[in-house]
Amino acid sequence: MMLWKRVLLGLVLGVIFGLAVAEIMDEASGTELLLQVKVVGDLFVQTIRLLIIPLIFFTLVAGVLALGSPSKLGSIGLKTLFLYLITTFFANVIGLSMGTIFRPGEGVDLGSAIPKTLDGGGTFLERMTEIVTKNPFEKLLQADPTHLTLSVLLLLAGYYFAFKARDKGPRSILFMVLLTLGIAMASLDILMVILISICFGIGVLFSGPLARPVTSFFELASDLVLKVTTIMMELAPFGVFGLIAYVAGTSGIEVFKSILILAIAVYLGCFLHMFIAYGGLIKLVLKFPLIKFFRGIVGAQMVAYSTSSSSATLPVTIAHVTENFGVSKSIAGSVLPLGSTINMDGTAMYLGIVALFTAQVFGYALEPYHYIMIAVTAAMVSVGAAGIPSASLFLLTPMLAVFGVSDAHVALIVGFIWPFDRLLDMMRTVTNVTGDAAVSVAVAKWEGELDESVFPGAAVR
């Protein structure tokens, strides 16, 4: 069975299992069982997170070296940022339209909501500052047994492939050293890794013929780390089952009743954005078959839906766009890590809907200019959202300040949304990951880095 079908099956079975447990067992026993099942999902997410740093480093450096020119990297960067800005604009328009059409805040009673304030989050500038102050070995120094065990398993997989490679000498040993270092630095900020990788790759490019051994090594290393990632992807159906079973069993269908209209607005908005913005890019601009695109990314979408994390889904997304769409490793390794950090279309759209939801609940009168300010603010603060579950809630305070929402009202809105935000966040993450994939295909096409014998011609894995 194709991987994406197994992931989809794991998701469906997880929902059925979670709802069945909630229906048959009492709350305490059911929650305990679901927590045990969730461990499988948590292990899967933690494993692929450990791989993110070495995966980005090897593939991005190899990609920069494959381009052959620093100027071409600048061209890729400009096109990527342009597409992300355009799609964010569409997300804002769709989000505000959904909030205006469905009016999810009308008639909502917040009497049962427990006020909740959030500390943390931070702006994009604060996150950039944190890059140089964060301890990259934070996770390793905690000496968590699970973390260490998963690290050893990944290193064994890397060891296996390294010494099966055509070169069993110093290059394999160097790969293992760098893979070990990358896994140990799993807590390092992705933006920092991107910056280091690009600078290193450009430095090697300027070295000319002397850098050929380095180029050859990184070509081998990127292949090896992608093979390790492929093994981890085979665990995705089990991880998805564990995560979605817990969400379905603890949140269930009942939780949607109080926010049904808001949930419909968010989910429909995400679907419309994926088909209008990303579908339009693939079908109308690139002239590629839309159905094959969505079939090719569905596995990453399922992982994104269950993990609610763009960062945790990154290795799966990279593997899907390279194998299913023929996007070169150089494009995938540069566009997708950047997208998982700054492309938050689902978040931007969601913030716009919640802003209108808040205004409707408390009766704030919005003027036409408020809508423009909401759209601009949502686009700006969404860039500062971390690729982790429920990161959007940290951005509500600056978002709602646009039309003077009091701190007490913000706390009530957060308290009302908090219990079911994970279910909304899951769909927002699917939107973000789909956008990353669509942009990578477009940039690869325009840069001549897309193997069109793979997409749309080849079968989906």
Protein backbone atom coordinates (compact mmCIF):
# COMPACT_ATOMS: atom_id res chain seq x y z
CA MET A 1 0.00 0.00 0.00
CA MET A 2 1.29 3.48 -0.88
CA LEU A 3 2.60 5.46 2.08
CA TRP A 4 0.03 8.24 1.83
CA LYS A 5 -2.77 5.65 1.90
CA ARG A 6 -1.29 4.06 5.02
CA VAL A 7 -1.03 7.47 6.68
CA LEU A 8 -4.64 8.26 5.76
CA LEU A 9 -5.72 4.85 7.07
CA GLY A 10 -3.87 5.51 10.33
CA LEU A 11 -5.66 8.84 10.68
CA VAL A 12 -9.12 7.37 10.05
CA LEU A 13 -8.54 4.43 12.41
CA GLY A 14 -7.17 6.81 15.02
CA VAL A 15 -10.34 8.92 14.92
CA ILE A 16 -12.53 5.81 15.18
CA PHE A 17 -10.47 4.38 18.04
CA GLY A 18 -10.40 7.66 19.97
CA LEU A 19 -14.15 8.22 19.66
CA ALA A 20 -14.84 4.59 20.60
CA VAL A 21 -12.71 4.85 23.73
CA ALA A 22 -14.48 8.08 24.74
CA GLU A 23 -17.87 6.43 24.21
CA ILE A 24 -17.23 3.07 25.87
CA MET A 25 -14.88 3.84 28.77
CA ASP A 26 -15.26 6.26 31.66
CA GLU A 27 -13.36 9.54 31.37
CA ALA A 28 -10.46 8.71 33.70
CA SER A 29 -9.77 5.23 32.28
CA GLY A 30 -10.25 6.40 28.70
CA THR A 31 -7.86 9.31 29.10
CA GLU A 32 -5.24 7.04 30.66
CA LEU A 33 -5.48 4.60 27.74
CA LEU A 34 -5.34 7.39 25.16
CA LEU A 35 -2.27 8.86 26.84
CA GLN A 36 -0.53 5.50 26.46
CA VAL A 37 -1.49 5.36 22.79
CA LYS A 38 -0.35 8.97 22.31
CA VAL A 39 3.16 7.97 23.36
CA VAL A 40 3.60 6.31 19.95
CA GLY A 41 2.77 9.57 18.23
CA ASP A 42 5.01 11.60 20.52
CA LEU A 43 7.94 9.26 19.80
CA PHE A 44 7.38 9.65 16.05
CA VAL A 45 7.31 13.46 16.28
CA GLN A 46 10.38 13.58 18.51
CA THR A 47 12.27 11.27 16.15
CA ILE A 48 11.68 13.38 13.05
CA ARG A 49 12.45 16.55 15.02
CA LEU A 50 15.87 15.10 15.85
CA LEU A 51 16.49 14.69 12.13
CA ILE A 52 15.54 18.26 11.16
CA ILE A 53 18.93 19.90 11.86
CA PRO A 54 21.17 17.40 9.98
CA LEU A 55 18.60 17.11 7.19
CA ILE A 56 18.51 20.86 6.57
CA PHE A 57 22.27 21.24 6.85
CA PHE A 58 23.20 18.42 4.47
CA THR A 59 20.50 19.06 1.86
CA LEU A 60 20.83 22.85 1.88
CA VAL A 61 24.63 22.84 1.60
CA ALA A 62 24.44 20.21 -1.17
CA GLY A 63 21.75 22.30 -2.86
CA VAL A 64 23.79 25.50 -2.76
CA LEU A 65 26.79 23.68 -4.17
CA ALA A 66 24.66 22.14 -6.93
CA LEU A 67 23.50 25.61 -8.03
CA GLY A 68 27.06 26.53 -8.91
CA SER A 69 26.53 30.28 -8.34
CA PRO A 70 25.64 32.44 -5.32
CA SER A 71 23.62 34.73 -7.62
CA LYS A 72 21.27 31.88 -8.44
CA LEU A 73 20.62 31.40 -4.71
CA GLY A 74 19.58 35.06 -4.54
CA SER A 75 17.17 34.49 -7.40
CA ILE A 76 15.60 31.55 -5.57
CA GLY A 77 15.26 33.57 -2.37
CA LEU A 78 13.49 36.48 -4.07
CA LYS A 79 11.03 34.22 -5.89
CA THR A 80 10.30 32.29 -2.71
CA LEU A 81 9.61 35.39 -0.64
CA PHE A 82 7.47 36.89 -3.42
CA LEU A 83 5.27 33.78 -3.61
CA TYR A 84 4.91 33.58 0.17
CA LEU A 85 3.80 37.23 0.31
CA ILE A 86 1.26 36.74 -2.50
CA THR A 87 -0.27 33.65 -0.90
CA THR A 88 -0.42 35.40 2.48
CA PHE A 89 -2.42 38.22 0.84
CA PHE A 90 -4.95 35.68 -0.45
CA ALA A 91 -5.09 34.08 3.02
CA ASN A 92 -5.94 37.43 4.60
CA VAL A 93 -8.71 38.13 2.07
CA ILE A 94 -10.22 34.65 2.49
CA GLY A 95 -10.01 34.81 6.30
CA LEU A 96 -11.76 38.16 6.53
CA SER A 97 -14.36 36.97 4.02
CA MET A 98 -15.11 33.87 6.10
CA GLY A 99 -15.41 35.96 9.26
CA THR A 100 -17.75 38.40 7.53
CA ILE A 101 -19.95 35.79 5.83
CA PHE A 102 -20.31 33.30 8.71
CA ARG A 103 -20.21 35.85 11.58
CA PRO A 104 -19.05 33.11 14.01
CA GLY A 105 -19.17 35.39 17.07
CA GLU A 106 -22.86 36.26 16.90
CA GLY A 107 -24.89 34.68 19.67
CA VAL A 108 -21.86 33.09 21.37
CA ASP A 109 -21.99 33.05 25.18
CA LEU A 110 -18.60 33.21 26.89
CA GLY A 111 -20.12 32.70 30.34
CA SER A 112 -18.50 29.27 30.71
CA ALA A 113 -15.10 30.41 29.45
CA ILE A 114 -12.28 30.57 32.01
CA PRO A 115 -10.09 33.64 31.32
CA LYS A 116 -6.59 32.60 30.26
CA THR A 117 -3.54 34.68 29.52
CA LEU A 118 -0.50 33.53 27.60
CA ASP A 119 3.10 34.48 28.20
CA GLY A 120 5.71 33.92 25.57
CA GLY A 121 5.48 33.81 21.80
CA GLY A 122 7.36 36.91 20.74
CA THR A 123 7.78 38.88 17.57
CA PHE A 124 9.86 37.89 14.57
CA LEU A 125 12.63 40.24 15.77
CA GLU A 126 12.62 38.59 19.20
CA ARG A 127 12.84 35.16 17.60
CA MET A 128 15.78 36.32 15.47
CA THR A 129 17.51 37.64 18.60
CA GLU A 130 16.92 34.30 20.34
CA ILE A 131 18.91 32.57 17.59
CA VAL A 132 22.24 33.79 18.97
CA THR A 133 21.31 33.24 22.62
CA LYS A 134 19.77 29.77 22.49
CA ASN A 135 21.82 26.79 23.67
CA PRO A 136 21.98 24.38 20.71
CA PHE A 137 22.73 21.43 23.02
CA GLU A 138 19.85 22.13 25.39
CA LYS A 139 18.06 18.84 24.68
CA LEU A 140 21.22 16.77 24.96
CA LEU A 141 22.22 18.34 28.28
CA GLN A 142 18.84 17.45 29.75
CA ALA A 143 19.89 13.79 29.37
CA ASP A 144 16.32 12.69 28.74
CA PRO A 145 16.34 8.86 28.33
CA THR A 146 13.81 8.93 25.48
CA HIS A 147 15.76 11.60 23.64
CA LEU A 148 19.01 9.66 24.03
CA THR A 149 17.42 6.35 22.95
CA LEU A 150 15.91 7.83 19.80
CA SER A 151 19.22 9.54 19.02
CA VAL A 152 21.04 6.20 19.22
CA LEU A 153 18.47 4.55 16.92
CA LEU A 154 18.85 7.32 14.34
CA LEU A 155 22.62 7.07 14.53
CA LEU A 156 22.45 3.30 14.01
CA ALA A 157 20.33 3.89 10.89
CA GLY A 158 22.85 6.47 9.69
CA TYR A 159 25.72 4.10 10.44
CA TYR A 160 24.03 1.35 8.42
CA PHE A 161 23.60 3.50 5.32
CA ALA A 162 26.99 5.20 5.65
CA PHE A 163 28.88 1.92 5.52
CA LYS A 164 26.69 0.55 2.75
CA ALA A 165 27.70 3.55 0.64
CA ARG A 166 30.18 3.27 -2.18
CA ASP A 167 32.82 5.00 -0.07
CA LYS A 168 33.49 3.18 3.21
CA GLY A 169 36.39 5.43 4.16
CA PRO A 170 36.78 8.92 5.63
CA ARG A 171 33.64 10.32 4.00
CA SER A 172 31.41 7.85 5.80
CA ILE A 173 33.13 8.56 9.09
CA LEU A 174 32.77 12.32 8.56
CA PHE A 175 29.06 11.84 7.74
CA MET A 176 28.54 9.99 11.02
CA VAL A 177 30.35 12.71 12.99
CA LEU A 178 28.22 15.47 11.44
CA LEU A 179 25.01 13.44 11.80
CA THR A 180 25.79 12.91 15.48
CA LEU A 181 26.47 16.61 15.95
CA GLY A 182 23.25 17.56 14.13
CA ILE A 183 21.09 15.24 16.23
CA ALA A 184 22.74 16.56 19.39
CA MET A 185 21.86 20.12 18.29
CA ALA A 186 18.16 19.33 17.82
CA SER A 187 17.13 22.35 19.93
CA LEU A 188 18.89 24.84 17.63
CA ASP A 189 16.71 27.36 15.80
CA ILE A 190 15.98 26.41 12.17
CA LEU A 191 16.66 29.96 10.94
CA MET A 192 20.17 29.74 12.37
CA VAL A 193 20.77 26.43 10.61
CA ILE A 194 19.55 27.90 7.31
CA LEU A 195 21.89 30.89 7.69
CA ILE A 196 24.91 28.74 8.59
CA SER A 197 24.23 26.29 5.75
CA ILE A 198 23.87 29.01 3.11
CA CYS A 199 26.99 30.85 4.27
CA PHE A 200 28.98 27.60 4.34
CA GLY A 201 27.76 26.62 0.87
CA ILE A 202 28.60 30.02 -0.60
CA GLY A 203 32.04 29.89 1.00
CA VAL A 204 32.71 26.52 -0.62
CA LEU A 205 31.48 27.83 -4.01
CA PHE A 206 34.02 30.65 -3.93
CA SER A 207 36.77 28.10 -3.30
CA GLY A 208 36.53 26.93 -6.91
CA PRO A 209 38.12 23.62 -8.01
CA LEU A 210 39.66 23.09 -4.57
CA ALA A 211 36.16 22.47 -3.19
CA ARG A 212 35.35 19.47 -5.40
CA PRO A 213 35.99 16.90 -2.61
CA VAL A 214 33.66 18.88 -0.32
CA THR A 215 30.97 18.99 -3.02
CA SER A 216 31.29 15.26 -3.56
CA PHE A 217 30.96 14.61 0.19
CA PHE A 218 27.79 16.67 0.59
CA GLU A 219 26.20 14.97 -2.41
CA LEU A 220 26.75 11.64 -0.66
CA ALA A 221 25.71 12.97 2.75
CA SER A 222 22.42 14.45 1.51
CA ASP A 223 21.53 11.10 -0.10
CA LEU A 224 22.31 9.24 3.12
CA VAL A 225 20.30 11.52 5.42
CA LEU A 226 17.31 11.33 3.06
CA LYS A 227 17.48 7.53 3.26
CA VAL A 228 17.37 7.72 7.05
CA THR A 229 14.39 10.08 6.75
CA THR A 230 12.64 7.61 4.45
CA ILE A 231 12.88 4.94 7.15
CA MET A 232 11.35 7.32 9.69
CA MET A 233 8.50 8.09 7.28
CA GLU A 234 7.50 4.41 7.36
CA LEU A 235 6.57 4.97 11.01
CA ALA A 236 4.23 7.83 10.11
CA PRO A 237 0.98 5.76 10.01
CA PHE A 238 1.56 4.58 13.60
CA GLY A 239 2.50 8.07 14.80
CA VAL A 240 -0.55 9.60 13.12
CA PHE A 241 -2.80 6.94 14.70
CA GLY A 242 -1.49 7.65 18.20
CA LEU A 243 -1.74 11.43 17.95
CA ILE A 244 -5.15 11.64 16.30
CA ALA A 245 -6.65 8.99 18.60
CA TYR A 246 -5.76 11.12 21.62
CA VAL A 247 -7.17 14.31 20.07
CA ALA A 248 -10.40 12.60 18.97
CA GLY A 249 -10.85 10.80 22.28
CA THR A 250 -10.20 13.75 24.58
CA SER A 251 -11.76 16.52 22.48
CA GLY A 252 -14.32 14.54 20.51
CA ILE A 253 -17.19 15.89 18.47
CA GLU A 254 -18.89 17.52 21.46
CA VAL A 255 -16.26 20.22 21.74
CA PHE A 256 -17.20 21.53 18.29
CA LYS A 257 -20.80 22.30 19.26
CA SER A 258 -20.00 25.54 21.07
CA ILE A 259 -17.78 26.81 18.27
CA LEU A 260 -19.32 25.02 15.30
CA ILE A 261 -19.62 28.14 13.12
CA LEU A 262 -16.07 29.24 13.94
CA ALA A 263 -14.75 25.76 13.11
CA ILE A 264 -16.67 25.72 9.80
CA ALA A 265 -15.30 29.16 8.90
CA VAL A 266 -11.70 28.08 9.64
CA TYR A 267 -11.86 24.70 7.87
CA LEU A 268 -13.71 26.05 4.84
CA GLY A 269 -11.33 28.99 4.65
CA CYS A 270 -8.33 26.63 4.69
CA PHE A 271 -9.81 24.44 1.97
CA LEU A 272 -10.63 27.46 -0.20
CA HIS A 273 -7.14 28.89 0.27
CA MET A 274 -5.50 25.61 -0.70
CA PHE A 275 -7.59 25.27 -3.85
CA ILE A 276 -7.69 28.93 -4.88
CA ALA A 277 -4.19 30.16 -4.00
CA TYR A 278 -2.10 26.99 -4.20
CA GLY A 279 -4.33 25.24 -6.72
CA GLY A 280 -4.31 28.33 -8.91
CA LEU A 281 -0.51 28.46 -8.76
CA ILE A 282 -0.18 24.80 -9.74
CA LYS A 283 -2.96 24.62 -12.36
CA LEU A 284 -3.17 28.10 -13.89
CA VAL A 285 0.41 29.35 -13.57
CA LEU A 286 2.46 26.16 -13.84
CA LYS A 287 -0.06 24.20 -15.99
CA PHE A 288 0.33 21.04 -13.92
CA PRO A 289 -2.50 18.62 -13.03
CA LEU A 290 -4.05 19.68 -9.73
CA ILE A 291 -5.22 16.22 -8.65
CA LYS A 292 -1.71 14.78 -8.93
CA PHE A 293 -0.34 17.63 -6.85
CA PHE A 294 -2.73 17.01 -3.97
CA ARG A 295 -2.22 13.25 -4.24
CA GLY A 296 1.51 13.76 -4.07
CA ILE A 297 1.41 15.86 -0.91
CA VAL A 298 -1.37 14.06 0.97
CA GLY A 299 1.06 12.04 3.11
CA ALA A 300 2.73 15.21 4.41
CA GLN A 301 -0.72 16.75 4.93
CA MET A 302 -1.76 13.84 7.13
CA VAL A 303 1.39 14.13 9.22
CA ALA A 304 0.84 17.89 9.49
CA TYR A 305 -2.78 17.36 10.55
CA SER A 306 -1.83 14.98 13.33
CA THR A 307 1.26 16.81 14.63
CA SER A 308 0.02 20.41 14.21
CA SER A 309 3.64 21.37 13.58
CA SER A 310 5.17 22.62 10.33
CA SER A 311 8.65 22.07 11.75
CA ALA A 312 7.96 18.47 12.76
CA THR A 313 6.51 17.77 9.31
CA LEU A 314 9.50 19.29 7.49
CA PRO A 315 11.46 16.06 6.82
CA VAL A 316 8.31 14.42 5.44
CA THR A 317 7.54 17.44 3.24
CA ILE A 318 11.06 17.47 1.82
CA ALA A 319 10.87 13.76 1.01
CA HIS A 320 7.46 14.14 -0.68
CA VAL A 321 8.35 17.07 -2.95
CA THR A 322 11.62 15.49 -4.06
CA GLU A 323 10.23 11.98 -4.65
CA ASN A 324 6.71 12.76 -5.88
CA PHE A 325 7.24 16.04 -7.72
CA GLY A 326 10.85 15.85 -8.87
CA VAL A 327 11.87 19.05 -7.06
CA SER A 328 15.65 19.17 -6.87
CA LYS A 329 17.30 18.78 -3.49
CA SER A 330 18.76 22.27 -3.79
CA ILE A 331 15.31 23.86 -4.08
CA ALA A 332 13.64 21.60 -1.51
CA GLY A 333 16.46 22.11 0.96
CA SER A 334 16.27 25.91 0.76
CA VAL A 335 12.61 26.75 0.08
CA LEU A 336 10.93 24.33 2.51
CA PRO A 337 12.93 25.13 5.70
CA LEU A 338 12.31 28.81 5.03
CA GLY A 339 8.63 28.10 4.46
CA SER A 340 8.25 26.18 7.71
CA THR A 341 9.52 29.30 9.47
CA ILE A 342 7.86 32.24 7.68
CA ASN A 343 5.04 30.80 5.55
CA MET A 344 2.10 30.81 7.97
CA ASP A 345 -0.86 31.41 5.66
CA GLY A 346 -3.15 29.28 7.81
CA THR A 347 -2.16 31.33 10.86
CA ALA A 348 -2.69 34.67 9.07
CA MET A 349 -6.15 33.60 7.90
CA TYR A 350 -7.09 32.22 11.32
CA LEU A 351 -6.05 35.41 13.11
CA GLY A 352 -8.30 37.45 10.82
CA ILE A 353 -11.27 35.18 11.53
CA VAL A 354 -10.66 35.28 15.30
CA ALA A 355 -10.35 39.08 15.18
CA LEU A 356 -13.81 39.35 13.60
CA PHE A 357 -15.10 36.66 15.98
CA THR A 358 -13.94 38.79 18.93
CA ALA A 359 -15.49 41.96 17.54
CA GLN A 360 -18.81 40.16 17.03
CA VAL A 361 -18.83 38.57 20.50
CA PHE A 362 -18.18 41.82 22.40
CA GLY A 363 -19.83 44.24 19.97
CA TYR A 364 -16.76 46.19 18.86
CA ALA A 365 -17.70 48.43 15.92
CA LEU A 366 -15.25 47.94 13.05
CA GLU A 367 -14.67 50.59 10.42
CA PRO A 368 -13.40 49.73 6.90
CA TYR A 369 -9.85 50.77 7.81
CA HIS A 370 -9.88 48.26 10.68
CA TYR A 371 -10.14 45.42 8.15
CA ILE A 372 -7.03 46.67 6.37
CA MET A 373 -5.17 46.96 9.67
CA ILE A 374 -6.28 43.46 10.71
CA ALA A 375 -5.03 42.01 7.39
CA VAL A 376 -1.66 43.77 7.59
CA THR A 377 -1.15 42.90 11.27
CA ALA A 378 -2.12 39.26 10.72
CA ALA A 379 0.40 38.95 7.90
CA MET A 380 3.18 40.55 9.97
CA VAL A 381 2.69 38.70 13.25
CA SER A 382 2.14 35.33 11.54
CA VAL A 383 5.76 35.45 10.40
CA GLY A 384 6.73 35.43 14.07
CA ALA A 385 4.71 32.30 14.79
CA ALA A 386 6.79 29.27 15.73
CA GLY A 387 6.05 26.06 13.85
CA ILE A 388 4.62 24.37 16.96
CA PRO A 389 1.08 23.49 18.07
CA SER A 390 -1.20 26.41 19.07
CA ALA A 391 1.52 29.01 18.43
CA SER A 392 -1.18 31.27 16.93
CA LEU A 393 -2.77 31.89 20.33
CA PHE A 394 0.40 33.69 21.46
CA LEU A 395 -0.24 36.26 18.73
CA LEU A 396 -3.79 37.22 19.70
CA THR A 397 -2.78 40.08 22.03
CA PRO A 398 -1.02 42.22 19.38
CA MET A 399 -3.61 41.12 16.83
CA LEU A 400 -6.66 42.22 18.83
CA ALA A 401 -4.97 45.44 19.95
CA VAL A 402 -5.62 46.72 16.41
CA PHE A 403 -9.17 47.72 17.39
CA GLY A 404 -8.63 48.25 21.11
CA VAL A 405 -9.70 44.95 22.67
CA SER A 406 -9.14 45.05 26.43
CA ASP A 407 -6.83 42.59 28.20
CA ALA A 408 -9.82 41.08 30.01
CA HIS A 409 -11.61 40.40 26.73
CA VAL A 410 -8.44 38.91 25.19
CA ALA A 411 -8.13 36.56 28.19
CA LEU A 412 -11.76 35.48 27.76
CA ILE A 413 -11.30 34.79 24.04
CA VAL A 414 -8.14 32.75 24.66
CA GLY A 415 -9.87 30.84 27.46
CA PHE A 416 -12.83 30.10 25.19
CA ILE A 417 -10.73 28.95 22.22
CA TRP A 418 -7.99 27.12 24.15
CA PRO A 419 -9.80 23.77 24.76
CA PHE A 420 -10.38 23.11 21.06
CA ASP A 421 -7.64 25.15 19.41
CA ARG A 422 -5.68 21.98 18.62
CA LEU A 423 -8.48 20.84 16.27
CA LEU A 424 -8.35 24.18 14.44
CA ASP A 425 -4.55 24.28 14.50
CA MET A 426 -4.37 20.92 12.77
CA MET A 427 -6.09 22.34 9.69
CA ARG A 428 -4.00 25.52 9.75
CA THR A 429 -0.83 23.42 9.69
CA VAL A 430 -2.09 21.42 6.70
CA THR A 431 -2.57 24.74 4.88
CA ASN A 432 0.94 25.92 5.71
CA VAL A 433 2.60 22.67 4.62
CA THR A 434 0.61 22.55 1.37
CA GLY A 435 1.72 26.10 0.63
CA ASP A 436 5.36 25.19 1.25
CA ALA A 437 5.07 22.33 -1.25
CA ALA A 438 3.33 24.43 -3.91
CA VAL A 439 5.90 27.22 -3.67
CA SER A 440 8.79 24.74 -3.88
CA VAL A 441 7.33 23.26 -7.08
CA ALA A 442 6.88 26.74 -8.60
CA VAL A 443 10.40 27.91 -7.73
CA ALA A 444 11.87 24.64 -9.00
CA LYS A 445 9.97 25.01 -12.29
CA TRP A 446 11.12 28.60 -12.82
CA GLU A 447 14.72 27.77 -11.92
CA GLY A 448 14.86 24.73 -14.19
CA GLU A 449 15.27 22.47 -11.16
CA LEU A 450 12.10 20.38 -11.63
CA ASP A 451 12.26 16.88 -13.09
CA GLU A 452 9.03 16.86 -15.11
CA SER A 453 9.39 13.16 -15.81
CA VAL A 454 8.51 12.70 -12.13
CA PHE A 455 5.77 15.32 -11.90
CA PRO A 456 3.25 14.98 -13.36
CA GLY A 457 4.26 11.82 -15.17
CA ALA A 458 5.41 9.36 -12.50
CA ALA A 459 3.22 7.42 -10.07
CA VAL A 460 2.83 8.83 -6.58
CA ARG A 461 4.74 6.95 -3.89
